Amino acid sequence: MARITDDKQIINLIRNVEFWYHRIELAPGIVTPGVNDSSAVLRNLEALGLPNDFSGLRVLDIGCRDGFFSFAMEARGADVTGVDYALASVTGFEVAARVLDSHVKYVVENVYDLDPQKYGRFDVVFFLGVLYHLRNPLLALDQIRQMLNPGGLLFVECQLSTDERVNSLDIPIWQFYPRATLNDDETNKWAPNLPGLVLVVEEAEFSVQESRVHGSRGYVRAIVAKDERQEYFRQLDTSKGIFGIKNNSE
């Protein structure tokens, strides 16, 4: 299918999408009406150490929604797979990919069900704006770790606690939000302070290289780590019939 270049057709396609989350420039001066300032988030990721060149890298964009970050990494040379729980026709992804003539692979999947035997492993994973929606954040991070190659990079962006007393503390805290008490959204469940976000990522056997706060959001760049003791206790949580651990000094 040929790339769409007619501005009126592009505008009509944009209008046919009921809700846009990302702001994506589909043609010069034509930007989707997303509620998320996606370009600002990208700048924050660049400040965190996001590379400019993704040539030869496999990228997994979890919670890709309309695909802003998937398309941005494709433009930097990556082979990208976008994952979301919704169909591409429900989000703006289908329209954006058509207009941009993108080759990003879109997969309907749940983060808890990610499997390297099904999708392979990746060099970089984006996990942006998803973690605080999940009832089981550590389980999700465990699943993500197995999707990464040794030395693979993880970029996380997450809503932080709305309580400044929590955010001012140096100890790791995750605040629970029942029902729709966080931003009037029933799917929002957990929001950490920055130390809480950093240490949860590390608990999933990553080494955090950089962390920052931008407004109400926390950002983390981490690399896959290898710790046999930590690996054992990660597996113990979802296993049965195993007990005991060898002393590392043995």
Foldseek 3Di string as FASTA:
>chain_A
DDADDDPVVLVVLLVVQPAAAEFDPLDVPDTRPHPDPVVVVVVVVVVQPDDQAQAPFEEEEEQCFLNRVVVSVVVNHYQYEYEDQDDNVNGNNVSSCRNNVDPHHYDNDDLLPDDCVVVNAGQEYEAEAPQQLDPDNLSSLLSNLVRHDAFHKYKYKYFADPDVVQQVDPDKDKDFDDALRDVRDRSGTIHIHQNNVQVSNVLSQWAWDGWDDDPRMIMTMTTHHDDVVSVVVSVVVVDPDDDDDDDPVD
